[in-house]
Structures are given as C-alpha cells and as structure tokens.
Protein backbone atom coordinates (compact mmCIF):
# COMPACT_ATOMS: atom_id res chain seq x y z
CA UNK A 1 56.52 23.32 -161.34
CA UNK A 2 53.67 21.53 -163.06
CA UNK A 3 54.27 20.02 -166.50
CA UNK A 4 50.64 20.44 -167.56
CA UNK A 5 49.48 23.30 -169.75
CA UNK A 6 49.89 26.65 -168.06
CA UNK A 7 48.27 28.52 -170.95
CA UNK A 8 45.51 27.27 -173.20
CA UNK A 9 45.45 28.40 -176.81
CA UNK A 10 41.97 28.60 -178.29
CA UNK A 11 40.55 30.01 -181.51
CA UNK A 12 39.44 33.03 -179.49
CA UNK A 13 42.98 33.85 -178.33
CA UNK A 14 45.19 33.12 -175.36
CA UNK A 15 43.32 32.27 -172.19
CA UNK A 16 45.53 32.23 -169.12
CA UNK A 17 44.25 29.99 -166.38
CA UNK A 18 47.41 29.84 -164.28
CA UNK A 19 50.31 32.08 -163.47
CA UNK A 20 52.83 32.03 -166.36
CA UNK A 21 55.96 30.00 -165.56
CA UNK A 22 59.11 31.63 -164.24
CA UNK A 23 62.27 29.58 -164.73
CA UNK A 24 65.97 30.29 -164.61
CA UNK A 25 67.14 32.15 -167.75
CA UNK A 26 69.39 30.13 -170.03
CA UNK A 27 69.54 27.91 -173.10
CA UNK A 28 67.12 24.97 -173.21
CA UNK A 29 66.20 22.25 -175.68
CA UNK A 30 62.66 22.81 -176.95
CA UNK A 31 60.03 20.87 -178.89
CA UNK A 32 57.42 22.72 -180.96
CA UNK A 33 53.82 22.22 -179.78
CA UNK A 34 51.61 24.57 -181.83
CA UNK A 35 51.18 28.12 -183.03
CA UNK A 36 48.51 30.73 -183.47
CA UNK A 37 48.10 34.22 -184.83
CA UNK A 38 46.49 36.89 -182.69
CA UNK A 39 45.79 40.60 -182.49
CA UNK A 40 47.34 41.77 -179.22
CA UNK A 41 46.80 45.05 -177.41
CA UNK A 42 44.13 45.86 -179.99
CA UNK A 43 46.61 46.66 -182.75
CA UNK A 44 49.68 44.38 -182.91
CA UNK A 45 49.55 41.38 -185.27
CA UNK A 46 51.45 38.56 -183.57
CA UNK A 47 52.62 35.04 -184.30
CA UNK A 48 52.70 33.08 -181.03
CA UNK A 49 54.63 29.81 -181.02
CA UNK A 50 54.33 27.38 -178.12
CA UNK A 51 57.26 25.12 -177.18
CA UNK A 52 57.82 22.52 -174.46
CA UNK A 53 61.15 22.20 -172.66
CA UNK A 54 62.62 18.75 -173.32
CA UNK A 55 65.95 19.32 -171.56
CA UNK A 56 66.22 16.90 -168.66
CA UNK A 57 66.00 18.62 -165.30
CA UNK A 58 63.60 20.49 -163.05
CA UNK A 59 61.98 22.41 -165.94
CA UNK A 60 61.28 19.39 -168.17
CA UNK A 61 57.78 19.70 -169.65
CA UNK A 62 57.32 23.42 -168.93
CA UNK A 63 55.62 25.19 -171.85
CA UNK A 64 56.83 28.62 -172.97
CA UNK A 65 56.04 30.99 -175.82
CA UNK A 66 58.00 32.79 -178.53
CA UNK A 67 56.26 35.96 -179.78
CA UNK A 68 56.90 37.55 -183.19
CA UNK A 69 55.56 40.68 -184.85
CA UNK A 70 54.06 39.88 -188.25
CA UNK A 71 52.87 42.11 -191.08
CA UNK A 72 49.28 40.86 -191.22
CA UNK A 73 46.94 37.89 -191.23
CA UNK A 74 45.93 35.93 -194.32
CA UNK A 75 42.40 35.19 -193.18
CA UNK A 76 41.03 35.04 -189.66
CA UNK A 77 43.58 35.00 -186.79
CA UNK A 78 43.58 31.93 -184.56
CA UNK A 79 45.11 28.49 -184.10
CA UNK A 80 47.30 27.58 -187.10
CA UNK A 81 46.29 30.88 -188.72
CA UNK A 82 47.89 31.95 -191.98
CA UNK A 83 50.11 35.03 -191.82
CA UNK A 84 52.56 37.21 -193.70
CA UNK A 85 55.93 38.06 -192.13
CA UNK A 86 58.37 40.59 -193.53
CA UNK A 87 61.66 39.50 -195.11
CA UNK A 88 63.55 41.48 -192.44
CA UNK A 89 61.42 40.30 -189.52
CA UNK A 90 62.80 38.39 -186.54
CA UNK A 91 60.65 35.43 -187.58
CA UNK A 92 62.06 35.28 -191.14
CA UNK A 93 65.63 35.67 -189.90
CA UNK A 94 65.30 32.94 -187.26
CA UNK A 95 63.51 30.67 -189.76
CA UNK A 96 66.39 31.09 -192.26
CA UNK A 97 68.97 30.50 -189.54
CA UNK A 98 67.24 27.33 -188.31
CA UNK A 99 66.32 25.73 -191.63
CA UNK A 100 68.77 27.37 -194.08
CA UNK A 101 65.97 28.29 -196.47
CA UNK A 102 63.25 30.86 -197.09
CA UNK A 103 60.03 30.51 -199.08
CA UNK A 104 59.51 32.41 -202.34
CA UNK A 105 56.75 34.49 -200.73
CA UNK A 106 56.44 35.84 -197.20
CA UNK A 107 53.01 34.23 -196.71
CA UNK A 108 54.34 30.71 -197.40
CA UNK A 109 56.49 29.81 -194.38
CA UNK A 110 56.22 26.07 -193.71
CA UNK A 111 55.45 25.67 -190.02
CA UNK A 112 55.72 21.88 -190.42
CA UNK A 113 59.53 22.28 -190.47
CA UNK A 114 59.36 22.87 -186.71
CA UNK A 115 57.69 19.52 -186.03
CA UNK A 116 59.69 16.58 -184.69
CA UNK A 117 62.84 18.65 -184.21
CA UNK A 118 64.68 19.66 -181.07
CA UNK A 119 65.50 23.37 -181.15
CA UNK A 120 67.90 25.11 -178.79
CA UNK A 121 66.36 28.32 -177.51
CA UNK A 122 67.34 31.14 -175.18
CA UNK A 123 64.86 31.76 -172.35
CA UNK A 124 64.72 35.14 -170.62
CA UNK A 125 62.66 36.74 -167.88
CA UNK A 126 60.10 39.44 -168.71
CA UNK A 127 60.78 42.25 -166.23
CA UNK A 128 58.76 45.06 -167.86
CA UNK A 129 55.14 45.28 -168.95
CA UNK A 130 53.91 46.43 -172.36
CA UNK A 131 54.08 50.06 -171.19
CA UNK A 132 57.73 49.65 -170.13
CA UNK A 133 56.88 49.73 -166.44
CA UNK A 134 58.96 47.51 -164.19
CA UNK A 135 57.15 44.34 -163.07
CA UNK A 136 57.27 43.32 -159.42
CA UNK A 137 59.30 40.13 -158.87
CA UNK A 138 56.16 38.06 -158.25
CA UNK A 139 54.70 39.21 -161.61
CA UNK A 140 57.74 38.33 -163.73
CA UNK A 141 57.61 35.36 -166.11
CA UNK A 142 59.71 33.53 -168.69
CA UNK A 143 59.53 33.63 -172.49
CA UNK A 144 61.66 32.31 -175.31
CA UNK A 145 63.78 35.23 -176.52
CA UNK A 146 65.55 33.50 -179.41
CA UNK A 147 65.47 30.21 -181.31
CA UNK A 148 69.15 29.52 -181.92
CA UNK A 149 69.64 26.24 -183.77
CA UNK A 150 68.17 22.87 -184.64
CA UNK A 151 69.91 20.20 -182.60
CA UNK A 152 71.73 17.65 -184.72
CA UNK A 153 70.57 14.15 -183.80
C-alpha cells in the first residue's frame, strides 16, 4: 500500500484520484493532517478530518478520513472552513472526550488541539453505500469510525 496521498483535499471538495485504502479493521495510532468542510450528496453539511496512520507496521503512512455531520457552515465550505456543530453531535462528544473541554459556543471548536498529538482511533470497513446498498468486496474501503483517546507521551 502506498504511503502517498490517496485523496487530495482542495477548496473545491474531495477529489479522488486513487482507489480509497482498505486496511484491516482495528485500533491504530493516528496523526492529524488537515480538515475541511463540505456539502455532500447535495444536502449534508460535513466536517471531514484527515489523519495519517503512525502505528508501525504495514499500514504506516496510510491516510484515512473521519466524517462528522455538522449543523452548518460559518462562511464558505472548504479547507479549514469554519463550522457549527451541535452540543450533542458526535464531533462535540469526541472532542470533549479527547480534550476534556468544550468551547463556550458551538462555532468555536479549536482544531489546533488536534495538532502534534497521537490519537488512538478505531478503523472500520465501509460495506454499504449511501443508499444502504451492499458494496461488492472490491469496492469496500476503510474509514475512521471513532477517535478514542489522546495517547499519553
């Protein structure tokens, strides 16, 4: 498996130029790379966070994504776009679990807290498409399903 970018993030959205990676499900150590906001499927406001696997082994360097639903954008969606996430959202709950804090407002999450930290995350295989149809084995791919904890150094 190549360690170079498998997905490019641009201001226009996600441009896939290679098949998304498929790795063995499990818990991996991850390093934050970047994030963007995007409108997906023409209606869903998403926060897309890109991480690189830093666990030693055959998947070292593979880049995977963690997708979150958000309430809306604060400005134009794109790379490092501002957003508003609900207090009860998966993003807010994982953020609180990782960093033991929440901002005073839901449009003020500090994404810089993710930088220069190793985060343990659970990777799963996507086996269904957006319409809940089963994906053929050759079309399946891996995503980060949960960010679990910041690794103590």
